[in-house]
N, C-alpha and C. Protein backbone atom coordinates (compact mmCIF):
# COMPACT_ATOMS: atom_id res chain seq x y z
N MET A 1 25.33 34.03 49.69
CA MET A 1 25.31 35.35 49.11
C MET A 1 25.20 35.20 47.59
N ASN A 2 24.35 35.98 47.00
CA ASN A 2 24.21 35.92 45.55
C ASN A 2 25.09 36.96 44.87
N ARG A 3 25.13 36.90 43.56
CA ARG A 3 25.97 37.77 42.75
C ARG A 3 25.67 39.25 43.00
N LYS A 4 24.40 39.60 43.12
CA LYS A 4 24.00 41.00 43.29
C LYS A 4 24.52 41.57 44.61
N LYS A 5 24.41 40.80 45.68
CA LYS A 5 24.87 41.27 46.99
C LYS A 5 26.39 41.40 47.01
N LEU A 6 27.10 40.42 46.42
CA LEU A 6 28.55 40.52 46.36
C LEU A 6 28.96 41.73 45.53
N GLN A 7 28.29 41.96 44.43
CA GLN A 7 28.61 43.11 43.58
C GLN A 7 28.44 44.41 44.35
N LYS A 8 27.36 44.51 45.12
CA LYS A 8 27.12 45.73 45.90
C LYS A 8 28.25 45.96 46.91
N LEU A 9 28.69 44.90 47.57
CA LEU A 9 29.76 45.02 48.56
C LEU A 9 31.10 45.34 47.93
N THR A 10 31.33 44.84 46.76
CA THR A 10 32.65 45.00 46.15
C THR A 10 32.74 46.14 45.15
N ASP A 11 31.65 46.86 44.92
CA ASP A 11 31.70 47.99 43.99
C ASP A 11 32.79 48.99 44.35
N THR A 12 33.01 49.21 45.65
CA THR A 12 34.03 50.16 46.04
C THR A 12 35.44 49.59 45.85
N LEU A 13 35.57 48.28 45.80
CA LEU A 13 36.89 47.68 45.61
C LEU A 13 37.36 47.78 44.16
N THR A 14 36.51 47.41 43.26
CA THR A 14 36.90 47.47 41.85
C THR A 14 35.67 47.64 40.98
N LYS A 15 35.68 48.69 40.23
CA LYS A 15 34.55 48.98 39.35
C LYS A 15 34.77 48.40 37.96
N ASN A 16 35.99 48.01 37.65
CA ASN A 16 36.33 47.59 36.30
C ASN A 16 36.36 46.09 36.08
N CYS A 17 36.39 45.30 37.11
CA CYS A 17 36.52 43.85 36.94
C CYS A 17 35.15 43.19 36.92
N LYS A 18 34.72 42.79 35.74
CA LYS A 18 33.42 42.16 35.59
C LYS A 18 33.42 40.68 35.99
N HIS A 19 34.60 40.13 36.15
CA HIS A 19 34.70 38.70 36.43
C HIS A 19 35.08 38.41 37.87
N LEU A 20 34.88 39.38 38.73
CA LEU A 20 35.20 39.25 40.14
C LEU A 20 34.49 38.05 40.78
N PHE A 21 33.23 37.86 40.47
CA PHE A 21 32.43 36.80 41.08
C PHE A 21 33.07 35.44 40.87
N ARG A 22 33.58 35.18 39.66
CA ARG A 22 34.17 33.88 39.36
C ARG A 22 35.37 33.59 40.26
N GLY A 23 36.14 34.63 40.61
CA GLY A 23 37.29 34.45 41.49
C GLY A 23 36.90 34.04 42.90
N PHE A 24 35.71 34.42 43.34
CA PHE A 24 35.23 34.06 44.67
C PHE A 24 34.47 32.73 44.67
N ASP A 25 33.67 32.47 43.64
CA ASP A 25 32.82 31.28 43.58
C ASP A 25 33.63 30.07 43.12
N LYS A 26 34.36 29.47 44.04
CA LYS A 26 35.30 28.39 43.71
C LYS A 26 34.62 27.12 43.20
N ASP A 27 33.41 26.82 43.70
CA ASP A 27 32.75 25.59 43.26
C ASP A 27 31.78 25.83 42.10
N ASN A 28 31.76 27.04 41.56
CA ASN A 28 30.95 27.39 40.39
C ASN A 28 29.47 27.02 40.53
N ASP A 29 28.92 27.25 41.73
CA ASP A 29 27.51 26.94 41.92
C ASP A 29 26.61 28.17 41.81
N GLY A 30 27.18 29.32 41.45
CA GLY A 30 26.39 30.53 41.28
C GLY A 30 26.18 31.32 42.56
N CYS A 31 26.72 30.83 43.67
CA CYS A 31 26.62 31.51 44.96
C CYS A 31 27.98 31.48 45.65
N VAL A 32 28.22 32.48 46.45
CA VAL A 32 29.44 32.51 47.26
C VAL A 32 29.04 32.18 48.69
N ASN A 33 29.51 31.03 49.18
CA ASN A 33 29.19 30.67 50.56
C ASN A 33 30.15 31.38 51.51
N VAL A 34 29.94 31.19 52.80
CA VAL A 34 30.71 31.91 53.81
C VAL A 34 32.21 31.63 53.68
N SER A 35 32.59 30.37 53.50
CA SER A 35 34.02 30.06 53.42
C SER A 35 34.63 30.64 52.15
N GLU A 36 33.90 30.62 51.02
CA GLU A 36 34.40 31.23 49.79
C GLU A 36 34.55 32.74 49.96
N TRP A 37 33.59 33.35 50.64
CA TRP A 37 33.63 34.80 50.89
C TRP A 37 34.84 35.16 51.75
N ILE A 38 35.06 34.43 52.83
CA ILE A 38 36.18 34.72 53.73
C ILE A 38 37.51 34.49 53.02
N TYR A 39 37.61 33.37 52.32
CA TYR A 39 38.86 33.08 51.60
C TYR A 39 39.10 34.13 50.51
N GLY A 40 38.07 34.45 49.75
CA GLY A 40 38.21 35.44 48.68
C GLY A 40 38.65 36.80 49.20
N LEU A 41 38.02 37.26 50.27
CA LEU A 41 38.42 38.54 50.85
C LEU A 41 39.83 38.49 51.40
N SER A 42 40.19 37.38 52.00
CA SER A 42 41.54 37.23 52.54
C SER A 42 42.57 37.40 51.44
N VAL A 43 42.36 36.74 50.31
CA VAL A 43 43.29 36.85 49.18
C VAL A 43 43.22 38.25 48.60
N PHE A 44 42.02 38.73 48.40
CA PHE A 44 41.79 40.02 47.77
C PHE A 44 42.42 41.17 48.53
N LEU A 45 42.27 41.14 49.85
CA LEU A 45 42.71 42.27 50.67
C LEU A 45 44.09 42.09 51.31
N ARG A 46 44.46 40.86 51.65
CA ARG A 46 45.71 40.65 52.37
C ARG A 46 46.55 39.52 51.80
N GLY A 47 46.23 39.07 50.60
CA GLY A 47 46.90 37.91 50.02
C GLY A 47 48.36 38.14 49.69
N THR A 48 49.10 37.05 49.70
CA THR A 48 50.50 37.08 49.27
C THR A 48 50.54 37.22 47.75
N LEU A 49 51.71 37.47 47.22
CA LEU A 49 51.85 37.55 45.76
C LEU A 49 51.41 36.24 45.12
N GLU A 50 51.77 35.11 45.73
CA GLU A 50 51.38 33.80 45.17
C GLU A 50 49.86 33.66 45.12
N GLU A 51 49.19 34.05 46.20
CA GLU A 51 47.73 33.94 46.24
C GLU A 51 47.09 34.88 45.22
N LYS A 52 47.63 36.07 45.09
CA LYS A 52 47.08 37.03 44.13
C LYS A 52 47.33 36.58 42.69
N MET A 53 48.48 35.95 42.44
CA MET A 53 48.74 35.42 41.10
C MET A 53 47.71 34.36 40.75
N LYS A 54 47.46 33.46 41.68
CA LYS A 54 46.49 32.39 41.42
C LYS A 54 45.10 32.98 41.19
N TYR A 55 44.72 33.95 42.04
CA TYR A 55 43.41 34.60 41.89
C TYR A 55 43.28 35.26 40.52
N CYS A 56 44.27 36.09 40.15
CA CYS A 56 44.20 36.79 38.87
C CYS A 56 44.18 35.82 37.70
N PHE A 57 45.00 34.77 37.78
CA PHE A 57 45.01 33.77 36.71
C PHE A 57 43.63 33.15 36.55
N GLU A 58 42.99 32.81 37.67
CA GLU A 58 41.64 32.22 37.61
C GLU A 58 40.63 33.19 37.02
N VAL A 59 40.77 34.48 37.32
CA VAL A 59 39.88 35.48 36.74
C VAL A 59 40.09 35.56 35.22
N PHE A 60 41.35 35.53 34.78
CA PHE A 60 41.66 35.64 33.35
C PHE A 60 41.32 34.37 32.58
N ASP A 61 41.34 33.22 33.25
CA ASP A 61 41.01 31.94 32.61
C ASP A 61 39.49 31.82 32.54
N LEU A 62 38.90 32.45 31.55
CA LEU A 62 37.45 32.60 31.48
C LEU A 62 36.69 31.27 31.42
N ASN A 63 37.26 30.27 30.76
CA ASN A 63 36.54 29.00 30.65
C ASN A 63 36.98 27.97 31.69
N GLY A 64 37.93 28.32 32.54
CA GLY A 64 38.34 27.45 33.64
C GLY A 64 39.11 26.21 33.22
N ASP A 65 39.78 26.25 32.05
CA ASP A 65 40.50 25.07 31.58
C ASP A 65 41.96 25.01 32.04
N GLY A 66 42.39 26.00 32.84
CA GLY A 66 43.76 26.00 33.33
C GLY A 66 44.75 26.72 32.43
N PHE A 67 44.24 27.39 31.40
CA PHE A 67 45.09 28.14 30.48
C PHE A 67 44.41 29.47 30.15
N ILE A 68 45.22 30.46 29.79
CA ILE A 68 44.69 31.72 29.27
C ILE A 68 44.97 31.69 27.77
N SER A 69 43.91 31.54 26.98
CA SER A 69 44.04 31.44 25.53
C SER A 69 44.11 32.82 24.89
N LYS A 70 44.48 32.85 23.62
CA LYS A 70 44.49 34.11 22.87
C LYS A 70 43.10 34.75 22.88
N GLU A 71 42.07 33.92 22.75
CA GLU A 71 40.70 34.44 22.73
C GLU A 71 40.34 35.06 24.08
N GLU A 72 40.78 34.43 25.17
CA GLU A 72 40.51 34.99 26.50
C GLU A 72 41.28 36.30 26.70
N MET A 73 42.53 36.34 26.25
CA MET A 73 43.31 37.58 26.33
C MET A 73 42.61 38.68 25.55
N PHE A 74 42.17 38.36 24.35
CA PHE A 74 41.49 39.34 23.50
C PHE A 74 40.26 39.88 24.22
N HIS A 75 39.46 38.99 24.75
CA HIS A 75 38.23 39.39 25.44
C HIS A 75 38.52 40.30 26.63
N MET A 76 39.50 39.92 27.46
CA MET A 76 39.83 40.71 28.64
C MET A 76 40.40 42.07 28.24
N LEU A 77 41.30 42.09 27.27
CA LEU A 77 41.90 43.36 26.84
C LEU A 77 40.86 44.27 26.18
N LYS A 78 39.97 43.68 25.40
CA LYS A 78 38.93 44.46 24.74
C LYS A 78 38.05 45.17 25.78
N ASN A 79 37.77 44.49 26.86
CA ASN A 79 36.93 45.07 27.91
C ASN A 79 37.66 46.06 28.79
N SER A 80 38.99 46.00 28.81
CA SER A 80 39.72 46.87 29.73
C SER A 80 40.36 48.09 29.06
N LEU A 81 40.47 48.09 27.73
CA LEU A 81 41.08 49.21 27.03
C LEU A 81 40.03 50.19 26.54
N LEU A 82 40.37 51.46 26.57
CA LEU A 82 39.47 52.49 26.07
C LEU A 82 39.52 52.52 24.55
N LYS A 83 38.37 52.65 23.95
CA LYS A 83 38.30 52.73 22.49
C LYS A 83 38.49 54.18 22.07
N GLN A 84 39.26 54.37 21.03
CA GLN A 84 39.49 55.70 20.48
C GLN A 84 38.49 55.92 19.34
N PRO A 85 37.80 57.05 19.31
CA PRO A 85 36.78 57.28 18.27
C PRO A 85 37.36 57.33 16.86
N SER A 86 38.64 57.64 16.73
CA SER A 86 39.24 57.73 15.40
C SER A 86 39.66 56.38 14.83
N GLU A 87 39.69 55.36 15.65
CA GLU A 87 40.12 54.04 15.18
C GLU A 87 39.06 53.41 14.29
N GLU A 88 39.49 52.88 13.14
CA GLU A 88 38.55 52.23 12.24
C GLU A 88 38.18 50.85 12.76
N ASP A 89 39.16 50.06 13.16
CA ASP A 89 38.90 48.71 13.67
C ASP A 89 39.75 48.48 14.92
N PRO A 90 39.24 48.86 16.09
CA PRO A 90 40.03 48.71 17.30
C PRO A 90 40.36 47.25 17.63
N ASP A 91 39.58 46.31 17.14
CA ASP A 91 39.85 44.90 17.39
C ASP A 91 41.19 44.46 16.81
N GLU A 92 41.57 45.05 15.68
CA GLU A 92 42.86 44.71 15.08
C GLU A 92 44.02 45.09 15.99
N GLY A 93 43.93 46.25 16.61
CA GLY A 93 44.96 46.69 17.55
C GLY A 93 45.05 45.76 18.75
N ILE A 94 43.92 45.28 19.22
CA ILE A 94 43.89 44.37 20.36
C ILE A 94 44.49 43.02 19.95
N LYS A 95 44.16 42.55 18.75
CA LYS A 95 44.75 41.29 18.26
C LYS A 95 46.27 41.41 18.17
N ASP A 96 46.75 42.56 17.68
CA ASP A 96 48.19 42.79 17.62
C ASP A 96 48.81 42.79 19.01
N LEU A 97 48.12 43.40 19.97
CA LEU A 97 48.61 43.43 21.35
C LEU A 97 48.71 42.02 21.93
N VAL A 98 47.74 41.17 21.65
CA VAL A 98 47.78 39.78 22.11
C VAL A 98 48.99 39.07 21.51
N GLU A 99 49.23 39.26 20.22
CA GLU A 99 50.37 38.62 19.56
C GLU A 99 51.69 39.11 20.15
N ILE A 100 51.80 40.42 20.38
CA ILE A 100 53.02 40.98 20.98
C ILE A 100 53.22 40.41 22.38
N THR A 101 52.13 40.26 23.12
CA THR A 101 52.20 39.74 24.49
C THR A 101 52.79 38.34 24.52
N LEU A 102 52.49 37.52 23.51
CA LEU A 102 52.93 36.13 23.51
C LEU A 102 54.27 35.90 22.81
N LYS A 103 54.85 36.91 22.21
CA LYS A 103 56.12 36.71 21.52
C LYS A 103 57.19 36.26 22.50
N LYS A 104 57.88 35.20 22.11
CA LYS A 104 58.90 34.64 22.99
C LYS A 104 60.10 35.57 23.12
N ASN A 105 60.50 36.18 22.05
CA ASN A 105 61.63 37.10 22.06
C ASN A 105 61.13 38.48 21.66
N GLY A 106 61.75 39.48 22.17
CA GLY A 106 61.37 40.83 21.79
C GLY A 106 61.24 41.72 23.00
N LYS A 107 61.14 42.98 22.72
CA LYS A 107 61.13 43.99 23.76
C LYS A 107 59.89 43.90 24.64
N TYR A 108 58.73 43.60 24.06
CA TYR A 108 57.48 43.67 24.81
C TYR A 108 56.90 42.32 25.20
N GLY A 109 57.34 41.25 24.60
CA GLY A 109 56.77 39.94 24.89
C GLY A 109 57.27 39.39 26.22
N LYS A 110 56.52 39.59 27.27
CA LYS A 110 56.94 39.16 28.60
C LYS A 110 56.43 37.77 28.95
N PHE A 111 55.32 37.36 28.37
CA PHE A 111 54.80 36.03 28.64
C PHE A 111 55.38 35.08 27.62
N ARG A 112 55.71 33.90 28.06
CA ARG A 112 56.33 32.92 27.16
C ARG A 112 55.38 31.76 26.91
N ASP A 113 54.92 31.67 25.68
CA ASP A 113 54.10 30.55 25.24
C ASP A 113 55.06 29.47 24.74
N HIS A 114 55.59 28.68 25.67
CA HIS A 114 56.68 27.76 25.36
C HIS A 114 56.35 26.73 24.28
N ASP A 115 55.14 26.24 24.25
CA ASP A 115 54.81 25.23 23.24
C ASP A 115 54.08 25.83 22.03
N HIS A 116 53.97 27.14 21.96
CA HIS A 116 53.39 27.86 20.83
C HIS A 116 51.99 27.39 20.47
N ASP A 117 51.19 27.12 21.49
CA ASP A 117 49.81 26.70 21.25
C ASP A 117 48.82 27.84 21.42
N GLY A 118 49.31 29.06 21.62
CA GLY A 118 48.43 30.23 21.71
C GLY A 118 47.77 30.41 23.04
N LYS A 119 48.31 29.80 24.08
CA LYS A 119 47.74 29.97 25.42
C LYS A 119 48.83 29.89 26.48
N LEU A 120 48.54 30.47 27.63
CA LEU A 120 49.49 30.50 28.73
C LEU A 120 49.06 29.57 29.84
N SER A 121 49.99 28.81 30.36
CA SER A 121 49.72 28.00 31.55
C SER A 121 49.96 28.87 32.78
N PHE A 122 49.56 28.38 33.94
CA PHE A 122 49.82 29.13 35.17
C PHE A 122 51.31 29.31 35.39
N SER A 123 52.11 28.29 35.11
CA SER A 123 53.55 28.43 35.35
C SER A 123 54.17 29.49 34.45
N ASP A 124 53.71 29.62 33.20
CA ASP A 124 54.19 30.69 32.32
C ASP A 124 53.80 32.06 32.88
N TYR A 125 52.57 32.18 33.32
CA TYR A 125 52.06 33.43 33.89
C TYR A 125 52.84 33.77 35.17
N GLU A 126 53.03 32.78 36.04
CA GLU A 126 53.73 32.99 37.31
C GLU A 126 55.17 33.46 37.07
N GLN A 127 55.86 32.83 36.15
CA GLN A 127 57.24 33.20 35.85
C GLN A 127 57.33 34.65 35.38
N ALA A 128 56.42 35.06 34.50
CA ALA A 128 56.42 36.43 33.99
C ALA A 128 56.12 37.43 35.10
N VAL A 129 55.16 37.12 35.96
CA VAL A 129 54.79 38.04 37.05
C VAL A 129 55.92 38.16 38.06
N ARG A 130 56.61 37.07 38.33
CA ARG A 130 57.75 37.14 39.27
C ARG A 130 58.87 38.01 38.71
N GLU A 131 59.03 38.01 37.38
CA GLU A 131 60.04 38.86 36.75
C GLU A 131 59.60 40.32 36.73
N GLU A 132 58.29 40.55 36.58
CA GLU A 132 57.75 41.90 36.50
C GLU A 132 56.36 41.92 37.13
N THR A 133 56.26 42.37 38.38
CA THR A 133 55.00 42.31 39.11
C THR A 133 53.89 43.15 38.49
N LEU A 134 54.23 44.12 37.66
CA LEU A 134 53.19 44.90 36.98
C LEU A 134 52.33 44.02 36.06
N LEU A 135 52.83 42.86 35.68
CA LEU A 135 52.09 41.96 34.80
C LEU A 135 50.99 41.18 35.53
N LEU A 136 50.91 41.33 36.85
CA LEU A 136 49.88 40.63 37.62
C LEU A 136 48.49 40.85 37.03
N GLU A 137 48.22 42.08 36.64
CA GLU A 137 46.92 42.43 36.06
C GLU A 137 47.08 42.82 34.58
N ALA A 138 47.87 42.07 33.86
CA ALA A 138 48.19 42.40 32.47
C ALA A 138 46.97 42.41 31.55
N PHE A 139 45.96 41.61 31.83
CA PHE A 139 44.82 41.50 30.94
C PHE A 139 43.60 42.23 31.47
N GLY A 140 43.79 43.06 32.48
CA GLY A 140 42.70 43.87 33.02
C GLY A 140 42.75 43.89 34.53
N PRO A 141 42.11 44.89 35.11
CA PRO A 141 42.14 45.01 36.57
C PRO A 141 41.29 43.94 37.25
N CYS A 142 41.85 43.34 38.28
CA CYS A 142 41.06 42.39 39.09
C CYS A 142 41.36 42.50 40.57
N LEU A 143 42.22 43.39 40.96
CA LEU A 143 42.52 43.63 42.37
C LEU A 143 42.25 45.10 42.68
N PRO A 144 41.90 45.40 43.91
CA PRO A 144 41.58 46.79 44.25
C PRO A 144 42.82 47.68 44.30
N ASP A 145 42.65 48.93 43.90
CA ASP A 145 43.72 49.89 44.09
C ASP A 145 43.71 50.29 45.58
N PRO A 146 44.79 50.87 46.09
CA PRO A 146 44.86 51.18 47.53
C PRO A 146 43.73 52.07 48.04
N LYS A 147 43.32 53.05 47.26
CA LYS A 147 42.24 53.94 47.71
C LYS A 147 40.93 53.17 47.85
N SER A 148 40.60 52.37 46.86
CA SER A 148 39.37 51.57 46.90
C SER A 148 39.40 50.58 48.05
N HIS A 149 40.57 50.00 48.27
CA HIS A 149 40.76 49.05 49.37
C HIS A 149 40.40 49.70 50.70
N MET A 150 40.92 50.90 50.95
CA MET A 150 40.65 51.62 52.20
C MET A 150 39.17 52.00 52.32
N GLU A 151 38.56 52.44 51.22
CA GLU A 151 37.14 52.79 51.23
C GLU A 151 36.28 51.58 51.55
N PHE A 152 36.63 50.43 50.97
CA PHE A 152 35.88 49.20 51.22
C PHE A 152 35.95 48.82 52.70
N GLU A 153 37.15 48.81 53.26
CA GLU A 153 37.29 48.45 54.67
C GLU A 153 36.54 49.42 55.56
N ALA A 154 36.56 50.69 55.25
CA ALA A 154 35.83 51.67 56.05
C ALA A 154 34.32 51.42 55.97
N GLN A 155 33.83 51.06 54.78
CA GLN A 155 32.40 50.80 54.60
C GLN A 155 31.97 49.53 55.32
N VAL A 156 32.70 48.45 55.14
CA VAL A 156 32.30 47.16 55.69
C VAL A 156 32.47 47.09 57.21
N PHE A 157 33.55 47.68 57.71
CA PHE A 157 33.85 47.52 59.12
C PHE A 157 33.33 48.65 60.00
N LYS A 158 32.63 49.63 59.43
CA LYS A 158 32.07 50.70 60.26
C LYS A 158 30.90 50.20 61.09
N ASP A 159 30.10 49.31 60.54
CA ASP A 159 28.95 48.76 61.27
C ASP A 159 28.83 47.28 60.94
N PRO A 160 29.41 46.42 61.81
CA PRO A 160 29.40 44.97 61.50
C PRO A 160 28.00 44.37 61.40
N ASN A 161 26.98 45.00 62.00
CA ASN A 161 25.63 44.45 61.94
C ASN A 161 24.94 44.74 60.61
N GLU A 162 25.50 45.64 59.83
CA GLU A 162 24.88 46.02 58.57
C GLU A 162 24.80 44.85 57.60
N PHE A 163 25.72 43.90 57.67
CA PHE A 163 25.77 42.78 56.73
C PHE A 163 25.47 41.44 57.40
N ASN A 164 24.62 41.44 58.42
CA ASN A 164 24.31 40.20 59.14
C ASN A 164 23.62 39.15 58.28
N ASP A 165 22.92 39.54 57.24
CA ASP A 165 22.20 38.56 56.43
C ASP A 165 23.06 37.91 55.36
N ILE A 166 24.35 38.16 55.37
CA ILE A 166 25.24 37.58 54.37
C ILE A 166 25.41 36.11 54.61
């Protein structure tokens, strides 16, 4: 299955996540094979919290190095936040949000950058999400909301022959 076909199938699941394909394409070959598709849907639709944490972390880790850097956070937040027409430089607000997110102490800093290198490891991300599950999609949406989830299942499972060429 190529990117275009996966996008068509998943449009009803999430319209806001531009990096959905990367979460499914585990071997980074530009195509989602049958096992990647089945595994991805399993996590996406019925995954445990642990599986969803790993999936979201992989989506947020744009360069695949095993960390979410300040630059990756900035990029994801910039794409997920609405711009206000009155703001002179919205990027400054996003940079401030990234800094607040990484603060070790404070009211809003939920993620802990223990070695102060400006990036989060999976264990830092996992610990924060276990303390507050709303942080699962802290850097942008990557999982379907319940309504989209139901619409997707209704579309895909109404006629199993419709997607035989996948």
